[in-house]
PDB file of N, CA and C in Angstrom:
ATOM      1  N   MET A   1       0.849  -0.972  -0.015  1.00  0.00           N
ATOM      2  CA  MET A   1      -0.278   0.116  -0.118  1.00  0.00           C
ATOM      3  C   MET A   1       0.840   1.304  -0.047  1.00  0.00           C
ATOM      4  N   ALA A   2       0.505   2.233  -0.966  1.00  0.00           N
ATOM      5  CA  ALA A   2       1.140   3.639  -0.660  1.00  0.00           C
ATOM      6  C   ALA A   2       1.108   4.168   0.346  1.00  0.00           C
ATOM      7  N   ASN A   3       2.318   4.757   0.957  1.00  0.00           N
ATOM      8  CA  ASN A   3       2.385   5.679   2.151  1.00  0.00           C
ATOM      9  C   ASN A   3       2.593   7.183   1.985  1.00  0.00           C
ATOM     10  N   LYS A   4       2.955   7.627   0.583  1.00  0.00           N
ATOM     11  CA  LYS A   4       2.919   9.100   0.454  1.00  0.00           C
ATOM     12  C   LYS A   4       1.846   9.582  -0.342  1.00  0.00           C
ATOM     13  N   LYS A   5       1.429  10.860   0.193  1.00  0.00           N
ATOM     14  CA  LYS A   5       0.149  11.357  -0.647  1.00  0.00           C
ATOM     15  C   LYS A   5       0.579  11.358  -2.046  1.00  0.00           C
ATOM     16  N   ALA A   6       1.480  11.666  -2.683  1.00  0.00           N
ATOM     17  CA  ALA A   6       1.796  11.457  -4.216  1.00  0.00           C
ATOM     18  C   ALA A   6       1.644  10.350  -4.704  1.00  0.00           C
ATOM     19  N   ALA A   7       1.893   9.464  -4.152  1.00  0.00           N
ATOM     20  CA  ALA A   7       1.984   7.747  -4.504  1.00  0.00           C
ATOM     21  C   ALA A   7       0.262   7.654  -4.491  1.00  0.00           C
ATOM     22  N   LYS A   8      -0.361   7.965  -3.378  1.00  0.00           N
ATOM     23  CA  LYS A   8      -2.056   7.546  -3.503  1.00  0.00           C
ATOM     24  C   LYS A   8      -2.516   8.388  -4.609  1.00  0.00           C
ATOM     25  N   LYS A   9      -2.121   9.719  -4.904  1.00  0.00           N
ATOM     26  CA  LYS A   9      -2.510  10.479  -5.835  1.00  0.00           C
ATOM     27  C   LYS A   9      -2.418   9.540  -7.061  1.00  0.00           C
ATOM     28  N   ASP A  10      -1.515   9.154  -7.575  1.00  0.00           N
ATOM     29  CA  ASP A  10      -0.656   8.515  -8.609  1.00  0.00           C
ATOM     30  C   ASP A  10      -1.798   6.865  -8.732  1.00  0.00           C
ATOM     31  N   ILE A  11      -1.998   6.540  -7.727  1.00  0.00           N
ATOM     32  CA  ILE A  11      -3.147   5.348  -7.922  1.00  0.00           C
ATOM     33  C   ILE A  11      -4.294   5.727  -8.397  1.00  0.00           C
ATOM     34  N   LEU A  12      -5.009   6.956  -8.011  1.00  0.00           N
ATOM     35  CA  LEU A  12      -6.237   7.428  -8.372  1.00  0.00           C
ATOM     36  C   LEU A  12      -6.092   7.613  -9.820  1.00  0.00           C
ATOM     37  N   THR A  13      -4.782   8.518 -10.173  1.00  0.00           N
ATOM     38  CA  THR A  13      -4.704   8.895 -11.570  1.00  0.00           C
ATOM     39  C   THR A  13      -4.603   7.590 -12.643  1.00  0.00           C
ATOM     40  N   ASN A  14      -4.014   6.606 -12.051  1.00  0.00           N
ATOM     41  CA  ASN A  14      -3.774   5.272 -12.823  1.00  0.00           C
ATOM     42  C   ASN A  14      -4.968   4.795 -13.179  1.00  0.00           C
ATOM     43  N   LYS A  15      -5.857   4.655 -11.916  1.00  0.00           N
ATOM     44  CA  LYS A  15      -7.276   4.054 -12.164  1.00  0.00           C
ATOM     45  C   LYS A  15      -8.224   4.648 -13.159  1.00  0.00           C
ATOM     46  N   ARG A  16      -8.247   6.019 -13.004  1.00  0.00           N
ATOM     47  CA  ARG A  16      -9.007   6.779 -13.907  1.00  0.00           C
ATOM     48  C   ARG A  16      -8.593   6.695 -15.312  1.00  0.00           C
ATOM     49  N   ASN A  17      -7.026   6.775 -15.591  1.00  0.00           N
ATOM     50  CA  ASN A  17      -6.621   6.473 -17.135  1.00  0.00           C
ATOM     51  C   ASN A  17      -6.971   5.310 -17.492  1.00  0.00           C
ATOM     52  N   LYS A  18      -6.518   4.284 -16.727  1.00  0.00           N
ATOM     53  CA  LYS A  18      -7.087   2.729 -17.162  1.00  0.00           C
ATOM     54  C   LYS A  18      -8.271   2.805 -17.509  1.00  0.00           C
ATOM     55  N   LEU A  19      -9.415   3.204 -16.880  1.00  0.00           N
ATOM     56  CA  LEU A  19     -10.762   3.203 -17.213  1.00  0.00           C
ATOM     57  C   LEU A  19     -11.236   3.998 -18.699  1.00  0.00           C
ATOM     58  N   ARG A  20     -10.170   5.108 -18.815  1.00  0.00           N
ATOM     59  CA  ARG A  20     -10.418   5.782 -20.054  1.00  0.00           C
ATOM     60  C   ARG A  20      -9.728   5.022 -21.196  1.00  0.00           C
ATOM     61  N   ASN A  21      -8.741   4.677 -20.832  1.00  0.00           N
ATOM     62  CA  ASN A  21      -7.984   3.505 -22.034  1.00  0.00           C
ATOM     63  C   ASN A  21      -9.060   2.207 -22.475  1.00  0.00           C
ATOM     64  N   THR A  22      -9.411   1.808 -21.452  1.00  0.00           N
ATOM     65  CA  THR A  22     -10.282   0.590 -21.665  1.00  0.00           C
ATOM     66  C   THR A  22     -11.393   0.901 -22.566  1.00  0.00           C
ATOM     67  N   HIS A  23     -12.016   2.138 -22.315  1.00  0.00           N
ATOM     68  CA  HIS A  23     -12.989   2.408 -22.746  1.00  0.00           C
ATOM     69  C   HIS A  23     -12.837   2.869 -24.600  1.00  0.00           C
ATOM     70  N   PHE A  24     -11.874   3.424 -24.748  1.00  0.00           N
ATOM     71  CA  PHE A  24     -11.308   3.957 -26.079  1.00  0.00           C
ATOM     72  C   PHE A  24     -11.015   2.764 -26.825  1.00  0.00           C
ATOM     73  N   LYS A  25     -10.392   1.370 -26.231  1.00  0.00           N
ATOM     74  CA  LYS A  25      -9.734   0.609 -26.930  1.00  0.00           C
ATOM     75  C   LYS A  25     -10.937  -0.261 -27.286  1.00  0.00           C
ATOM     76  N   SER A  26     -11.866  -0.261 -26.551  1.00  0.00           N
ATOM     77  CA  SER A  26     -13.115  -0.992 -26.746  1.00  0.00           C
ATOM     78  C   SER A  26     -13.873  -0.610 -27.566  1.00  0.00           C
ATOM     79  N   LEU A  27     -14.110   0.790 -27.972  1.00  0.00           N
ATOM     80  CA  LEU A  27     -14.763   1.461 -28.993  1.00  0.00           C
ATOM     81  C   LEU A  27     -14.199   1.126 -29.989  1.00  0.00           C
ATOM     82  N   MET A  28     -12.597   1.280 -30.211  1.00  0.00           N
ATOM     83  CA  MET A  28     -11.789   1.054 -31.288  1.00  0.00           C
ATOM     84  C   MET A  28     -11.982  -0.421 -32.011  1.00  0.00           C
ATOM     85  N   LYS A  29     -12.210  -1.326 -30.950  1.00  0.00           N
ATOM     86  CA  LYS A  29     -12.285  -2.624 -31.628  1.00  0.00           C
ATOM     87  C   LYS A  29     -13.865  -2.893 -31.951  1.00  0.00           C
ATOM     88  N   THR A  30     -14.494  -2.436 -31.571  1.00  0.00           N
ATOM     89  CA  THR A  30     -15.865  -2.626 -31.798  1.00  0.00           C
ATOM     90  C   THR A  30     -16.369  -1.726 -33.400  1.00  0.00           C
ATOM     91  N   CYS A  31     -15.674  -0.807 -33.516  1.00  0.00           N
ATOM     92  CA  CYS A  31     -15.602  -0.164 -34.861  1.00  0.00           C
ATOM     93  C   CYS A  31     -14.865  -1.370 -35.978  1.00  0.00           C
ATOM     94  N   ILE A  32     -13.624  -1.615 -35.742  1.00  0.00           N
ATOM     95  CA  ILE A  32     -12.984  -2.494 -36.559  1.00  0.00           C
ATOM     96  C   ILE A  32     -13.866  -3.660 -36.959  1.00  0.00           C
ATOM     97  N   LYS A  33     -14.510  -4.206 -35.850  1.00  0.00           N
ATOM     98  CA  LYS A  33     -15.361  -5.638 -35.985  1.00  0.00           C
ATOM     99  C   LYS A  33     -16.330  -5.077 -36.865  1.00  0.00           C
ATOM    100  N   ASN A  34     -17.251  -4.198 -36.887  1.00  0.00           N
ATOM    101  CA  ASN A  34     -17.938  -3.492 -37.702  1.00  0.00           C
ATOM    102  C   ASN A  34     -17.672  -3.548 -38.932  1.00  0.00           C
ATOM    103  N   ALA A  35     -16.586  -2.940 -39.383  1.00  0.00           N
ATOM    104  CA  ALA A  35     -16.069  -2.669 -40.513  1.00  0.00           C
ATOM    105  C   ALA A  35     -15.620  -3.976 -41.369  1.00  0.00           C
ATOM    106  N   GLU A  36     -15.155  -4.888 -40.305  1.00  0.00           N
ATOM    107  CA  GLU A  36     -14.622  -6.125 -41.048  1.00  0.00           C
ATOM    108  C   GLU A  36     -15.987  -6.807 -41.491  1.00  0.00           C
ATOM    109  N   SER A  37     -17.041  -6.965 -40.852  1.00  0.00           N
ATOM    110  CA  SER A  37     -18.380  -7.391 -41.003  1.00  0.00           C
ATOM    111  C   SER A  37     -18.945  -6.915 -42.229  1.00  0.00           C
ATOM    112  N   ALA A  38     -18.929  -5.463 -42.413  1.00  0.00           N
ATOM    113  CA  ALA A  38     -19.483  -4.775 -43.439  1.00  0.00           C
ATOM    114  C   ALA A  38     -18.586  -5.251 -44.706  1.00  0.00           C
ATOM    115  N   ILE A  39     -17.317  -5.513 -44.813  1.00  0.00           N
ATOM    116  CA  ILE A  39     -16.483  -5.637 -46.056  1.00  0.00           C
ATOM    117  C   ILE A  39     -16.928  -7.143 -46.109  1.00  0.00           C
ATOM    118  N   GLU A  40     -16.997  -8.037 -45.290  1.00  0.00           N
ATOM    119  CA  GLU A  40     -17.163  -9.260 -45.404  1.00  0.00           C
ATOM    120  C   GLU A  40     -18.521  -9.634 -46.336  1.00  0.00           C
ATOM    121  N   ASN A  41     -19.656  -8.830 -45.653  1.00  0.00           N
ATOM    122  CA  ASN A  41     -20.653  -8.746 -46.236  1.00  0.00           C
ATOM    123  C   ASN A  41     -21.180  -8.060 -47.451  1.00  0.00           C
ATOM    124  N   ASN A  42     -20.054  -7.103 -47.859  1.00  0.00           N
ATOM    125  CA  ASN A  42     -20.168  -6.151 -49.013  1.00  0.00           C
ATOM    126  C   ASN A  42     -21.230  -5.388 -48.825  1.00  0.00           C
ATOM    127  N   THR A  43     -21.500  -4.711 -48.016  1.00  0.00           N
ATOM    128  CA  THR A  43     -22.980  -4.044 -48.167  1.00  0.00           C
ATOM    129  C   THR A  43     -22.873  -2.663 -48.736  1.00  0.00           C
ATOM    130  N   LYS A  44     -23.662  -1.925 -48.967  1.00  0.00           N
ATOM    131  CA  LYS A  44     -23.545  -0.605 -49.696  1.00  0.00           C
ATOM    132  C   LYS A  44     -22.859   0.583 -48.707  1.00  0.00           C
ATOM    133  N   GLU A  45     -23.101   0.499 -47.447  1.00  0.00           N
ATOM    134  CA  GLU A  45     -22.260   1.327 -46.593  1.00  0.00           C
ATOM    135  C   GLU A  45     -20.784   1.443 -46.149  1.00  0.00           C
ATOM    136  N   THR A  46     -20.452   0.151 -46.834  1.00  0.00           N
ATOM    137  CA  THR A  46     -18.983  -0.076 -46.374  1.00  0.00           C
ATOM    138  C   THR A  46     -17.999   0.819 -46.322  1.00  0.00           C
ATOM    139  N   PRO A  47     -17.853   1.741 -47.408  1.00  0.00           N
ATOM    140  CA  PRO A  47     -16.650   2.682 -47.350  1.00  0.00           C
ATOM    141  C   PRO A  47     -17.008   3.487 -45.910  1.00  0.00           C
ATOM    142  N   SER A  48     -18.394   4.091 -45.858  1.00  0.00           N
ATOM    143  CA  SER A  48     -18.819   4.899 -44.905  1.00  0.00           C
ATOM    144  C   SER A  48     -18.439   4.193 -43.048  1.00  0.00           C
ATOM    145  N   ILE A  49     -18.277   2.793 -43.313  1.00  0.00           N
ATOM    146  CA  ILE A  49     -18.378   2.367 -41.738  1.00  0.00           C
ATOM    147  C   ILE A  49     -16.757   2.155 -41.858  1.00  0.00           C
ATOM    148  N   VAL A  50     -16.055   1.713 -42.840  1.00  0.00           N
ATOM    149  CA  VAL A  50     -14.635   1.702 -42.606  1.00  0.00           C
ATOM    150  C   VAL A  50     -14.023   3.025 -42.404  1.00  0.00           C
ATOM    151  N   LYS A  51     -14.583   4.406 -42.914  1.00  0.00           N
ATOM    152  CA  LYS A  51     -14.004   5.672 -42.740  1.00  0.00           C
ATOM    153  C   LYS A  51     -14.245   6.102 -41.155  1.00  0.00           C
ATOM    154  N   ILE A  52     -15.327   5.293 -40.677  1.00  0.00           N
ATOM    155  CA  ILE A  52     -15.511   5.690 -39.281  1.00  0.00           C
ATOM    156  C   ILE A  52     -14.700   5.073 -38.312  1.00  0.00           C
ATOM    157  N   ALA A  53     -14.451   3.791 -38.916  1.00  0.00           N
ATOM    158  CA  ALA A  53     -13.283   2.882 -38.034  1.00  0.00           C
ATOM    159  C   ALA A  53     -11.977   3.567 -38.162  1.00  0.00           C
ATOM    160  N   LEU A  54     -11.461   3.907 -39.132  1.00  0.00           N
ATOM    161  CA  LEU A  54     -10.107   4.520 -39.368  1.00  0.00           C
ATOM    162  C   LEU A  54      -9.984   6.095 -38.591  1.00  0.00           C
ATOM    163  N   LYS A  55     -11.262   6.692 -38.406  1.00  0.00           N
ATOM    164  CA  LYS A  55     -11.334   7.851 -37.953  1.00  0.00           C
ATOM    165  C   LYS A  55     -11.155   7.496 -36.063  1.00  0.00           C
ATOM    166  N   GLN A  56     -11.765   6.370 -35.874  1.00  0.00           N
ATOM    167  CA  GLN A  56     -11.515   6.036 -34.320  1.00  0.00           C
ATOM    168  C   GLN A  56     -10.301   5.298 -33.860  1.00  0.00           C
ATOM    169  N   ILE A  57      -9.650   4.743 -35.038  1.00  0.00           N
ATOM    170  CA  ILE A  57      -8.333   4.297 -34.710  1.00  0.00           C
ATOM    171  C   ILE A  57      -7.337   5.366 -34.542  1.00  0.00           C
ATOM    172  N   ASP A  58      -7.557   6.536 -35.541  1.00  0.00           N
ATOM    173  CA  ASP A  58      -6.886   7.677 -34.998  1.00  0.00           C
ATOM    174  C   ASP A  58      -6.822   8.303 -33.975  1.00  0.00           C
ATOM    175  N   LYS A  59      -8.038   8.591 -33.358  1.00  0.00           N
ATOM    176  CA  LYS A  59      -8.515   9.128 -32.327  1.00  0.00           C
ATOM    177  C   LYS A  59      -7.717   8.392 -31.039  1.00  0.00           C
ATOM    178  N   THR A  60      -7.978   7.346 -31.325  1.00  0.00           N
ATOM    179  CA  THR A  60      -7.234   6.203 -29.971  1.00  0.00           C
ATOM    180  C   THR A  60      -5.682   6.590 -30.182  1.00  0.00           C
ATOM    181  N   ALA A  61      -5.139   6.519 -31.373  1.00  0.00           N
ATOM    182  CA  ALA A  61      -3.661   6.619 -31.244  1.00  0.00           C
ATOM    183  C   ALA A  61      -3.220   8.117 -30.888  1.00  0.00           C
ATOM    184  N   SER A  62      -4.038   9.075 -31.126  1.00  0.00           N
ATOM    185  CA  SER A  62      -3.948  10.833 -30.905  1.00  0.00           C
ATOM    186  C   SER A  62      -3.726  11.138 -29.390  1.00  0.00           C
ATOM    187  N   LYS A  63      -4.817  10.000 -28.563  1.00  0.00           N
ATOM    188  CA  LYS A  63      -4.753  10.046 -27.126  1.00  0.00           C
ATOM    189  C   LYS A  63      -3.675   9.342 -26.316  1.00  0.00           C
ATOM    190  N   GLY A  64      -2.752   8.783 -27.506  1.00  0.00           N
ATOM    191  CA  GLY A  64      -1.642   8.136 -26.931  1.00  0.00           C
ATOM    192  C   GLY A  64      -1.968   6.531 -25.904  1.00  0.00           C
ATOM    193  N   ILE A  65      -3.141   6.249 -26.399  1.00  0.00           N
ATOM    194  CA  ILE A  65      -3.887   4.813 -26.037  1.00  0.00           C
ATOM    195  C   ILE A  65      -3.024   3.627 -26.546  1.00  0.00           C
ATOM    196  N   ILE A  66      -2.885   3.923 -28.011  1.00  0.00           N
ATOM    197  CA  ILE A  66      -2.255   2.821 -28.475  1.00  0.00           C
ATOM    198  C   ILE A  66      -0.846   3.572 -29.777  1.00  0.00           C
ATOM    199  N   HIS A  67      -0.058   2.919 -29.847  1.00  0.00           N
ATOM    200  CA  HIS A  67       1.330   3.315 -30.270  1.00  0.00           C
ATOM    201  C   HIS A  67       0.730   3.755 -31.900  1.00  0.00           C
ATOM    202  N   LYS A  68       1.571   4.899 -32.498  1.00  0.00           N
ATOM    203  CA  LYS A  68       1.140   5.334 -33.906  1.00  0.00           C
ATOM    204  C   LYS A  68       1.557   3.980 -34.736  1.00  0.00           C
ATOM    205  N   ASN A  69       2.310   3.304 -34.589  1.00  0.00           N
ATOM    206  CA  ASN A  69       2.628   2.242 -35.499  1.00  0.00           C
ATOM    207  C   ASN A  69       1.315   1.378 -35.607  1.00  0.00           C
ATOM    208  N   SER A  70       0.981   1.055 -34.354  1.00  0.00           N
ATOM    209  CA  SER A  70       0.153   0.180 -34.324  1.00  0.00           C
ATOM    210  C   SER A  70      -1.184   0.448 -35.125  1.00  0.00           C
ATOM    211  N   ALA A  71      -1.631   1.789 -34.817  1.00  0.00           N
ATOM    212  CA  ALA A  71      -2.839   2.367 -35.471  1.00  0.00           C
ATOM    213  C   ALA A  71      -2.707   2.367 -37.026  1.00  0.00           C
ATOM    214  N   ALA A  72      -1.326   2.461 -37.632  1.00  0.00           N
ATOM    215  CA  ALA A  72      -1.113   2.931 -38.826  1.00  0.00           C
ATOM    216  C   ALA A  72      -1.115   1.144 -39.381  1.00  0.00           C
ATOM    217  N   ARG A  73      -0.884   0.206 -38.664  1.00  0.00           N
ATOM    218  CA  ARG A  73      -0.848  -1.473 -38.967  1.00  0.00           C
ATOM    219  C   ARG A  73      -2.215  -1.508 -38.956  1.00  0.00           C
ATOM    220  N   LYS A  74      -3.241  -1.418 -38.133  1.00  0.00           N
ATOM    221  CA  LYS A  74      -4.728  -1.498 -38.076  1.00  0.00           C
ATOM    222  C   LYS A  74      -5.381  -0.839 -39.446  1.00  0.00           C
ATOM    223  N   LYS A  75      -5.024   0.430 -39.840  1.00  0.00           N
ATOM    224  CA  LYS A  75      -5.506   1.213 -40.711  1.00  0.00           C
ATOM    225  C   LYS A  75      -5.531   0.402 -42.179  1.00  0.00           C
ATOM    226  N   SER A  76      -3.930   0.179 -42.398  1.00  0.00           N
ATOM    227  CA  SER A  76      -3.810  -0.410 -43.439  1.00  0.00           C
ATOM    228  C   SER A  76      -3.964  -1.759 -43.582  1.00  0.00           C
ATOM    229  N   SER A  77      -4.173  -2.679 -42.629  1.00  0.00           N
ATOM    230  CA  SER A  77      -5.056  -3.986 -42.703  1.00  0.00           C
ATOM    231  C   SER A  77      -6.405  -3.597 -43.487  1.00  0.00           C
ATOM    232  N   LEU A  78      -7.181  -2.649 -42.582  1.00  0.00           N
ATOM    233  CA  LEU A  78      -8.518  -2.338 -42.855  1.00  0.00           C
ATOM    234  C   LEU A  78      -8.552  -1.877 -44.653  1.00  0.00           C
ATOM    235  N   ALA A  79      -7.817  -1.211 -44.636  1.00  0.00           N
ATOM    236  CA  ALA A  79      -7.773  -0.463 -46.234  1.00  0.00           C
ATOM    237  C   ALA A  79      -7.414  -1.793 -47.119  1.00  0.00           C
ATOM    238  N   LYS A  80      -6.574  -2.696 -46.699  1.00  0.00           N
ATOM    239  CA  LYS A  80      -6.252  -3.785 -47.652  1.00  0.00           C
ATOM    240  C   LYS A  80      -7.281  -4.602 -47.966  1.00  0.00           C
ATOM    241  N   LYS A  81      -8.131  -4.888 -47.028  1.00  0.00           N
ATOM    242  CA  LYS A  81      -9.364  -5.802 -46.983  1.00  0.00           C
ATOM    243  C   LYS A  81     -10.328  -5.061 -47.952  1.00  0.00           C
ATOM    244  N   LEU A  82     -10.527  -4.037 -47.582  1.00  0.00           N
ATOM    245  CA  LEU A  82     -11.665  -3.116 -48.513  1.00  0.00           C
ATOM    246  C   LEU A  82     -11.187  -2.823 -49.709  1.00  0.00           C
ATOM    247  N   ASN A  83      -9.994  -3.041 -50.191  1.00  0.00           N
ATOM    248  CA  ASN A  83      -9.575  -2.775 -51.573  1.00  0.00           C
ATOM    249  C   ASN A  83      -9.608  -4.135 -52.472  1.00  0.00           C
ATOM    250  N   LYS A  84      -9.324  -5.295 -51.549  1.00  0.00           N
ATOM    251  CA  LYS A  84      -9.691  -6.311 -52.028  1.00  0.00           C
ATOM    252  C   LYS A  84     -11.024  -6.943 -52.586  1.00  0.00           C
ATOM    253  N   VAL A  85     -12.013  -6.158 -51.634  1.00  0.00           N
ATOM    254  CA  VAL A  85     -13.135  -6.516 -52.071  1.00  0.00           C
ATOM    255  C   VAL A  85     -13.507  -5.780 -53.203  1.00  0.00           C
ATOM    256  N   LYS A  86     -13.302  -4.418 -53.373  1.00  0.00           N
ATOM    257  CA  LYS A  86     -13.715  -3.551 -54.102  1.00  0.00           C
ATOM    258  C   LYS A  86     -12.984  -3.846 -55.773  1.00  0.00           C
ATOM    259  N   GLY A  87     -11.947  -4.218 -55.682  1.00  0.00           N
ATOM    260  CA  GLY A  87     -10.902  -4.507 -57.012  1.00  0.00           C
ATOM    261  C   GLY A  87     -10.529  -5.718 -57.098  1.00  0.00           C
TER     262      GLY A  87
END
């Protein structure tokens, strides 16, 4: 258990950040799953759904929750899948 006041504050900060990070990661993963299923089903709204997923990946990376290279990899993977279906 933390003894110093600053250490106790750090515990609270870490808890708050963990909740925030979990929320944004979950949101990002859901958007990616929705985009992949839209690509698989080849629906009419597929490009817009993929665009929403790419935007969410960028948001998550800009907040520092995931690394920028990880975001780039996820975006590239989605774009490849979309392009494979298109042409």
